[in-house]
Amino acid sequence: MSTDPQARAWVEVRPGALRRNLRRIRESIGDAATVIPMVKADGYGLGMEDVVRTLESEAPWGFGVATVEEGLRLRRAGVTIPVIVFSPVSPDSYDPAVAQDLTLTVSDLDSVERVAAAATRTGHIGRFHVEIDTGMGRSGFDWRRVAEWGPDLADRASPASIWEGCYTHFHSADLEDDGPTRAQWESFNSALKRLEPEKGSLIHSCNAAAAMRYPTFAADAVRPGIFLYGGCVGKGVAPPEEVARVRARVTLIRDVPESTTLGYGATYCSSGNERWATLGIGYGDGFPRVLGNRGNALLAGQKFPIIGRISMDMTVVDITGAGGVEVGDAATLIGTDGDGVITLDEVADLAGTISYEILTGFTARMPRIWITE
């Protein structure tokens, strides 16, 4: 690994851990189902093209994205295997998507017609998966009304468009209560029986949480996301390997007397003679402001408290009594450092959010450094 000595803050990524987390998913579901790694939101903030290059050697069925532009990025990067766009798209996006062989999600009959029309206009095959809403509510055909829309699906398509699969999305697979997930699975299967998709259609429903907790629901494919990138997926599932480590340099060390105030709002005041280390990271880099006076940082494996409010570009930690800390040292704000560790989920809990938001929130001024293993 080579870290830019001028970098003030960066994210280190371990490709080997990313691959091993995918293998954990495969071990859970067995050989009957394949995997569609979700690489949306710029590969969960780690760099979509780098994530794809890392996972291609694991022979996934395809990749999952949220937008047509993300899918086009993958095609420009040389990805030739299937790419499914898992969100509804704007009418103007159908032609470029079909022209680049992206598989679209349809959530209503108008979407089916748009895929067919785009196929006719572009001269390319239009591929689509039918999303069945079993309780998530944000998109998809309502499973309870399958008798109304089901018979019209094939009629709204065309010889140039192919209905390739059906899927649903579990909303509570990470919770201990298995009732909602089992109910959604039953609703999904009820709709499938009415639809009777063609033999060979890809049936899928499981995110990472469901793949680990309900492997019998794997069907033909699973769609792992946060677990691949190091985020936990609920109680009872062993944590994945750490994939990302967030680091920042010590840019200044100050010895301050008692009653020295710190940061906007002066929310911290030294209780005696203290030593403070300023780190070159702030909420402008995506490090949550709410962690001021709450979070921690590691230096040489030792944990130090973040004091005062986090600024746009700087964070301060109290290193009073610590020896050996120097300007230029690298602090760890998420990840392992020696015997110390601050997990991604720990930071998310302290920030009152989820690991997804933390990981995808780091901004472009944070270089992603991929470690050669």
Protein backbone atom coordinates (compact mmCIF):
# COMPACT_ATOMS: atom_id res chain seq x y z
CA MET A 1 0.00 0.00 0.00
CA SER A 2 1.23 3.47 -0.84
CA THR A 3 -0.47 6.35 0.93
CA ASP A 4 -0.07 9.84 -0.45
CA PRO A 5 2.12 11.57 2.16
CA GLN A 6 0.22 14.78 1.45
CA ALA A 7 -3.19 13.22 2.13
CA ARG A 8 -4.85 14.66 5.22
CA ALA A 9 -7.59 12.01 5.35
CA TRP A 10 -8.34 8.88 3.34
CA VAL A 11 -10.18 5.56 3.23
CA GLU A 12 -8.20 2.33 3.03
CA VAL A 13 -9.94 -0.60 1.31
CA ARG A 14 -9.04 -4.28 1.62
CA PRO A 15 -10.07 -6.12 -1.57
CA GLY A 16 -9.31 -9.52 -0.08
CA ALA A 17 -11.82 -8.93 2.70
CA LEU A 18 -14.41 -7.84 0.14
CA ARG A 19 -13.99 -11.11 -1.73
CA ARG A 20 -14.05 -13.20 1.43
CA ASN A 21 -17.28 -11.54 2.57
CA LEU A 22 -18.84 -12.52 -0.75
CA ARG A 23 -17.71 -16.10 -0.17
CA ARG A 24 -19.42 -16.02 3.23
CA ILE A 25 -22.66 -15.24 1.43
CA ARG A 26 -22.06 -18.14 -0.96
CA GLU A 27 -21.36 -20.50 1.92
CA SER A 28 -24.71 -19.56 3.46
CA ILE A 29 -26.86 -20.04 0.36
CA GLY A 30 -25.11 -23.06 -1.15
CA ASP A 31 -24.65 -23.87 -4.81
CA ALA A 32 -28.28 -23.62 -5.92
CA ALA A 33 -28.30 -19.81 -6.09
CA THR A 34 -25.94 -17.28 -7.60
CA VAL A 35 -25.01 -13.77 -6.44
CA ILE A 36 -25.70 -10.29 -7.74
CA PRO A 37 -23.43 -7.96 -5.72
CA MET A 38 -24.92 -4.52 -5.21
CA VAL A 39 -22.42 -1.88 -6.28
CA LYS A 40 -24.72 1.17 -6.29
CA ALA A 41 -23.82 4.50 -4.68
CA ASP A 42 -20.30 4.26 -6.09
CA GLY A 43 -19.74 0.81 -4.67
CA TYR A 44 -21.13 1.83 -1.26
CA GLY A 45 -18.71 4.72 -1.26
CA LEU A 46 -15.56 2.71 -1.99
CA GLY A 47 -15.35 3.20 -5.76
CA MET A 48 -17.69 1.25 -8.01
CA GLU A 49 -15.22 0.35 -10.73
CA ASP A 50 -12.65 -0.87 -8.19
CA VAL A 51 -15.29 -2.93 -6.38
CA VAL A 52 -16.38 -4.55 -9.64
CA ARG A 53 -12.82 -5.34 -10.68
CA THR A 54 -12.28 -6.94 -7.28
CA LEU A 55 -15.43 -9.09 -7.42
CA GLU A 56 -15.31 -10.13 -11.08
CA SER A 57 -12.92 -12.94 -10.18
CA GLU A 58 -15.67 -14.42 -7.97
CA ALA A 59 -17.83 -15.00 -11.07
CA PRO A 60 -21.05 -13.25 -10.02
CA TRP A 61 -24.13 -13.59 -12.23
CA GLY A 62 -24.21 -9.82 -12.61
CA PHE A 63 -24.12 -6.57 -10.69
CA GLY A 64 -26.85 -4.39 -9.18
CA VAL A 65 -27.06 -0.60 -9.44
CA ALA A 66 -29.67 2.03 -8.63
CA THR A 67 -29.48 4.31 -11.66
CA VAL A 68 -28.99 4.08 -15.39
CA GLU A 69 -25.93 6.32 -15.16
CA GLU A 70 -24.33 3.86 -12.74
CA GLY A 71 -25.03 1.06 -15.19
CA LEU A 72 -23.55 3.04 -18.06
CA ARG A 73 -20.42 3.64 -15.97
CA LEU A 74 -20.02 -0.11 -15.62
CA ARG A 75 -20.39 -0.62 -19.36
CA ARG A 76 -17.79 2.09 -19.99
CA ALA A 77 -15.52 0.27 -17.54
CA GLY A 78 -15.77 -2.87 -19.67
CA VAL A 79 -18.32 -4.86 -17.67
CA THR A 80 -20.10 -7.26 -20.04
CA ILE A 81 -22.12 -9.42 -17.63
CA PRO A 82 -25.71 -8.45 -16.71
CA VAL A 83 -26.30 -5.19 -14.86
CA ILE A 84 -29.71 -4.70 -13.24
CA VAL A 85 -31.02 -1.21 -12.46
CA PHE A 86 -33.07 -1.71 -9.29
CA SER A 87 -34.90 1.64 -9.16
CA PRO A 88 -37.57 3.15 -11.38
CA VAL A 89 -36.00 5.39 -14.03
CA SER A 90 -37.09 8.52 -15.88
CA PRO A 91 -38.71 8.15 -19.32
CA ASP A 92 -35.65 9.63 -21.06
CA SER A 93 -33.39 6.94 -19.58
CA TYR A 94 -34.93 3.93 -21.31
CA ASP A 95 -33.22 4.32 -24.69
CA PRO A 96 -29.63 4.62 -23.39
CA ALA A 97 -30.26 1.80 -20.92
CA VAL A 98 -31.56 -0.59 -23.56
CA ALA A 99 -28.88 0.44 -26.05
CA GLN A 100 -26.21 -0.60 -23.52
CA ASP A 101 -27.94 -3.86 -22.55
CA LEU A 102 -28.88 -2.80 -19.03
CA THR A 103 -31.67 -4.78 -17.39
CA LEU A 104 -34.41 -2.47 -16.15
CA THR A 105 -36.85 -2.83 -13.28
CA VAL A 106 -40.54 -2.44 -14.10
CA SER A 107 -43.00 -1.42 -11.40
CA ASP A 108 -46.04 -0.65 -13.52
CA LEU A 109 -47.44 -1.48 -16.95
CA ASP A 110 -46.30 1.85 -18.41
CA SER A 111 -42.71 0.85 -17.62
CA VAL A 112 -43.17 -2.40 -19.52
CA GLU A 113 -44.35 -0.43 -22.54
CA ARG A 114 -41.39 1.96 -22.27
CA VAL A 115 -38.92 -0.93 -22.35
CA ALA A 116 -40.65 -2.35 -25.43
CA ALA A 117 -40.68 1.03 -27.17
CA ALA A 118 -37.00 1.64 -26.39
CA ALA A 119 -36.15 -1.77 -27.83
CA THR A 120 -37.96 -0.89 -31.05
CA ARG A 121 -36.31 2.53 -31.33
CA THR A 122 -32.77 1.38 -30.58
CA GLY A 123 -32.83 -1.99 -32.31
CA HIS A 124 -31.56 -3.68 -29.15
CA ILE A 125 -33.22 -6.25 -26.91
CA GLY A 126 -34.98 -4.68 -23.96
CA ARG A 127 -34.52 -6.72 -20.78
CA PHE A 128 -36.56 -6.24 -17.63
CA HIS A 129 -37.27 -7.73 -14.22
CA VAL A 130 -40.67 -7.38 -12.59
CA GLU A 131 -40.53 -5.99 -9.06
CA ILE A 132 -43.33 -7.26 -6.84
CA ASP A 133 -44.07 -5.08 -3.81
CA THR A 134 -44.76 -7.31 -0.81
CA GLY A 135 -44.51 -4.60 1.83
CA MET A 136 -41.57 -2.31 1.12
CA GLY A 137 -43.99 0.14 -0.46
CA ARG A 138 -41.67 2.39 -2.42
CA SER A 139 -41.89 0.70 -5.85
CA GLY A 140 -43.08 -2.46 -7.55
CA PHE A 141 -46.39 -4.02 -8.57
CA ASP A 142 -48.71 -4.61 -5.62
CA TRP A 143 -48.77 -8.36 -4.99
CA ARG A 144 -52.35 -8.12 -3.75
CA ARG A 145 -53.51 -6.90 -7.16
CA VAL A 146 -51.69 -9.44 -9.30
CA ALA A 147 -54.98 -10.54 -10.86
CA GLU A 148 -55.37 -7.00 -12.25
CA TRP A 149 -51.92 -6.36 -13.71
CA GLY A 150 -50.55 -9.86 -14.21
CA PRO A 151 -52.49 -10.79 -17.37
CA ASP A 152 -51.37 -7.56 -19.10
CA LEU A 153 -47.63 -7.97 -18.52
CA ALA A 154 -46.92 -10.04 -21.60
CA ASP A 155 -49.31 -7.97 -23.73
CA ARG A 156 -47.49 -4.73 -22.92
CA ALA A 157 -44.12 -6.23 -23.87
CA SER A 158 -42.98 -6.83 -27.45
CA PRO A 159 -40.98 -9.42 -29.40
CA ALA A 160 -37.96 -7.16 -28.86
CA SER A 161 -38.28 -7.08 -25.06
CA ILE A 162 -37.64 -9.95 -22.68
CA TRP A 163 -39.14 -10.51 -19.24
CA GLU A 164 -36.09 -12.04 -17.57
CA GLY A 165 -36.96 -12.22 -13.89
CA CYS A 166 -39.07 -11.34 -10.85
CA TYR A 167 -38.01 -10.08 -7.46
CA THR A 168 -39.15 -8.58 -4.20
CA HIS A 169 -37.31 -6.82 -1.39
CA PHE A 170 -37.50 -7.70 2.31
CA HIS A 171 -37.88 -4.72 4.63
CA SER A 172 -37.00 -6.35 7.99
CA ALA A 173 -34.70 -9.30 7.31
CA ASP A 174 -32.15 -7.94 9.79
CA LEU A 175 -34.61 -8.01 12.72
CA GLU A 176 -34.92 -10.85 15.22
CA ASP A 177 -38.66 -11.15 14.58
CA ASP A 178 -38.90 -13.40 11.52
CA GLY A 179 -42.63 -12.91 11.05
CA PRO A 180 -42.51 -9.99 8.57
CA THR A 181 -39.90 -11.65 6.35
CA ARG A 182 -41.74 -14.96 6.25
CA ALA A 183 -44.97 -13.14 5.44
CA GLN A 184 -43.31 -11.29 2.57
CA TRP A 185 -41.86 -14.54 1.23
CA GLU A 186 -45.30 -16.13 1.25
CA SER A 187 -46.81 -13.11 -0.49
CA PHE A 188 -44.08 -13.17 -3.13
CA ASN A 189 -44.64 -16.84 -3.86
CA SER A 190 -48.39 -16.33 -4.01
CA ALA A 191 -47.90 -13.68 -6.68
CA LEU A 192 -45.45 -15.87 -8.60
CA LYS A 193 -47.98 -18.69 -8.76
CA ARG A 194 -50.49 -16.34 -10.35
CA LEU A 195 -47.93 -14.86 -12.74
CA GLU A 196 -46.33 -18.12 -13.86
CA PRO A 197 -43.12 -16.53 -15.19
CA GLU A 198 -41.42 -18.43 -17.97
CA LYS A 199 -39.05 -21.24 -17.11
CA GLY A 200 -35.56 -19.84 -16.73
CA SER A 201 -36.70 -16.52 -15.29
CA LEU A 202 -34.42 -15.37 -12.48
CA ILE A 203 -36.29 -15.29 -9.15
CA HIS A 204 -34.65 -13.34 -6.33
CA SER A 205 -35.59 -11.73 -3.03
CA CYS A 206 -32.69 -11.82 -0.54
CA ASN A 207 -30.45 -8.97 0.46
CA ALA A 208 -27.40 -9.86 2.56
CA ALA A 209 -29.37 -10.06 5.81
CA ALA A 210 -31.88 -12.47 4.29
CA ALA A 211 -29.17 -14.50 2.58
CA MET A 212 -27.46 -15.06 5.92
CA ARG A 213 -30.58 -15.50 8.06
CA TYR A 214 -33.01 -17.14 5.61
CA PRO A 215 -30.88 -19.09 3.11
CA THR A 216 -33.87 -21.23 2.10
CA PHE A 217 -35.38 -18.07 0.59
CA ALA A 218 -32.41 -17.63 -1.76
CA ALA A 219 -34.33 -18.83 -4.85
CA ASP A 220 -32.14 -18.32 -7.95
CA ALA A 221 -30.01 -15.40 -6.78
CA VAL A 222 -29.26 -13.13 -3.82
CA ARG A 223 -28.33 -9.45 -3.81
CA PRO A 224 -25.76 -8.79 -1.05
CA GLY A 225 -24.90 -5.21 -0.24
CA ILE A 226 -23.63 -3.82 3.07
CA PHE A 227 -22.30 -7.17 4.33
CA LEU A 228 -19.81 -7.23 1.46
CA TYR A 229 -18.46 -3.87 2.57
CA GLY A 230 -18.09 -4.72 6.25
CA GLY A 231 -21.48 -3.79 7.73
CA CYS A 232 -23.30 -6.12 10.11
CA VAL A 233 -26.72 -7.50 9.14
CA GLY A 234 -28.36 -8.22 12.48
CA LYS A 235 -28.04 -10.29 15.61
CA GLY A 236 -27.16 -13.93 15.22
CA VAL A 237 -24.97 -13.38 12.15
CA ALA A 238 -21.21 -13.25 12.70
CA PRO A 239 -19.81 -9.89 11.57
CA PRO A 240 -18.16 -9.67 8.17
CA GLU A 241 -14.50 -8.87 7.77
CA GLU A 242 -13.47 -5.25 8.00
CA VAL A 243 -13.19 -3.85 4.49
CA ALA A 244 -12.76 -0.10 4.98
CA ARG A 245 -10.56 1.82 7.39
CA VAL A 246 -10.96 5.60 7.73
CA ARG A 247 -7.81 7.48 8.65
CA ALA A 248 -6.67 11.07 9.15
CA ARG A 249 -3.35 12.69 9.89
CA VAL A 250 -2.46 14.59 13.01
CA THR A 251 -1.90 18.08 11.64
CA LEU A 252 -1.29 19.96 14.90
CA ILE A 253 -0.57 19.24 18.56
CA ARG A 254 -1.28 21.89 21.18
CA ASP A 255 -0.71 22.05 24.92
CA VAL A 256 -3.49 24.12 26.45
CA PRO A 257 -4.10 25.43 29.98
CA GLU A 258 -7.20 24.99 32.07
CA SER A 259 -10.38 26.74 30.86
CA THR A 260 -9.45 26.71 27.18
CA THR A 261 -12.57 26.51 25.04
CA LEU A 262 -12.81 24.52 21.85
CA GLY A 263 -14.83 24.62 18.67
CA TYR A 264 -18.02 26.27 17.50
CA GLY A 265 -20.31 26.98 20.41
CA ALA A 266 -17.40 26.36 22.81
CA THR A 267 -19.05 23.08 23.82
CA TYR A 268 -15.82 21.81 25.36
CA CYS A 269 -13.61 23.49 27.94
CA SER A 270 -10.39 21.99 29.30
CA SER A 271 -10.60 20.95 32.94
CA GLY A 272 -6.86 21.30 33.45
CA ASN A 273 -3.66 21.32 31.47
CA GLU A 274 -4.40 19.20 28.40
CA ARG A 275 -2.81 18.13 25.13
CA TRP A 276 -4.97 18.24 22.03
CA ALA A 277 -4.32 16.75 18.61
CA THR A 278 -6.03 18.23 15.57
CA LEU A 279 -6.91 15.72 12.84
CA GLY A 280 -7.33 16.69 9.21
CA ILE A 281 -10.87 15.42 8.80
CA GLY A 282 -14.29 16.96 9.28
CA TYR A 283 -17.87 16.80 8.17
CA GLY A 284 -16.80 18.19 4.80
CA ASP A 285 -15.13 14.83 4.30
CA GLY A 286 -18.24 12.97 5.41
CA PHE A 287 -17.20 12.33 9.00
CA PRO A 288 -20.41 12.87 11.00
CA ARG A 289 -20.58 16.15 12.89
CA VAL A 290 -22.74 14.51 15.55
CA LEU A 291 -19.68 12.58 16.79
CA GLY A 292 -18.29 15.72 18.40
CA ASN A 293 -17.92 15.15 22.18
CA ARG A 294 -19.11 11.60 21.53
CA GLY A 295 -16.85 9.64 19.20
CA ASN A 296 -13.29 8.38 19.44
CA ALA A 297 -10.13 8.00 17.42
CA LEU A 298 -7.26 5.53 17.63
CA LEU A 299 -3.60 6.50 17.66
CA ALA A 300 -1.09 3.65 17.88
CA GLY A 301 -3.90 1.37 19.00
CA GLN A 302 -4.95 3.60 21.90
CA LYS A 303 -8.43 5.16 21.97
CA PHE A 304 -8.80 8.90 22.53
CA PRO A 305 -12.03 10.93 22.83
CA ILE A 306 -13.15 13.43 20.24
CA ILE A 307 -13.69 16.74 22.00
CA GLY A 308 -15.64 19.78 20.91
CA ARG A 309 -17.77 20.05 17.83
CA ILE A 310 -16.43 18.58 14.63
CA SER A 311 -15.74 21.31 12.07
CA MET A 312 -15.99 21.08 8.30
CA ASP A 313 -12.28 20.32 7.97
CA MET A 314 -10.94 19.48 11.43
CA THR A 315 -11.57 17.18 14.38
CA VAL A 316 -9.82 17.44 17.74
CA VAL A 317 -8.99 14.61 20.13
CA ASP A 318 -7.74 14.79 23.70
CA ILE A 319 -4.37 12.99 23.89
CA THR A 320 -3.48 14.17 27.38
CA GLY A 321 -1.01 11.78 28.99
CA ALA A 322 -0.20 9.96 25.78
CA GLY A 323 3.39 9.72 24.72
CA GLY A 324 4.79 9.29 21.25
CA VAL A 325 2.05 11.02 19.26
CA GLU A 326 3.54 13.33 16.64
CA VAL A 327 2.36 15.60 13.87
CA GLY A 328 2.03 13.49 10.73
CA ASP A 329 0.88 10.35 12.54
CA ALA A 330 -2.19 8.61 11.15
CA ALA A 331 -5.24 8.33 13.38
CA THR A 332 -7.92 5.72 12.75
CA LEU A 333 -11.54 6.83 13.05
CA ILE A 334 -13.09 3.63 11.70
CA GLY A 335 -11.31 0.30 11.68
CA THR A 336 -8.52 -1.58 13.39
CA ASP A 337 -5.30 -0.03 14.64
CA GLY A 338 -3.01 -2.35 16.58
CA ASP A 339 -5.03 -3.86 19.40
CA GLY A 340 -7.71 -1.19 19.13
CA VAL A 341 -10.78 -1.19 16.94
CA ILE A 342 -13.65 1.19 16.19
CA THR A 343 -16.13 -0.67 14.04
CA LEU A 344 -18.21 0.79 11.25
CA ASP A 345 -21.38 -0.20 13.09
CA GLU A 346 -20.12 1.33 16.35
CA VAL A 347 -19.66 4.67 14.61
CA ALA A 348 -23.09 4.38 12.99
CA ASP A 349 -24.72 3.67 16.35
CA LEU A 350 -22.99 6.66 17.97
CA ALA A 351 -24.13 8.84 15.07
CA GLY A 352 -27.71 7.60 15.36
CA THR A 353 -27.73 6.16 11.86
CA ILE A 354 -26.81 3.03 9.89
CA SER A 355 -23.55 1.76 8.48
CA TYR A 356 -24.79 2.35 4.91
CA GLU A 357 -25.08 6.09 5.49
CA ILE A 358 -21.65 6.35 7.11
CA LEU A 359 -19.87 4.44 4.34
CA THR A 360 -21.58 6.15 1.42
CA GLY A 361 -21.22 9.58 3.00
CA PHE A 362 -17.47 10.03 2.64
CA THR A 363 -16.82 12.72 0.06
CA ALA A 364 -14.64 12.89 -3.02
CA ARG A 365 -11.83 14.71 -1.24
CA MET A 366 -11.15 11.51 0.71
CA PRO A 367 -8.92 9.34 -1.53
CA ARG A 368 -9.79 5.64 -1.57
CA ILE A 369 -6.57 3.69 -1.17
CA TRP A 370 -6.87 0.05 -2.26
CA ILE A 371 -4.43 -2.14 -0.35
CA THR A 372 -2.48 -4.76 -2.28
CA GLU A 373 -2.83 -8.07 -0.45
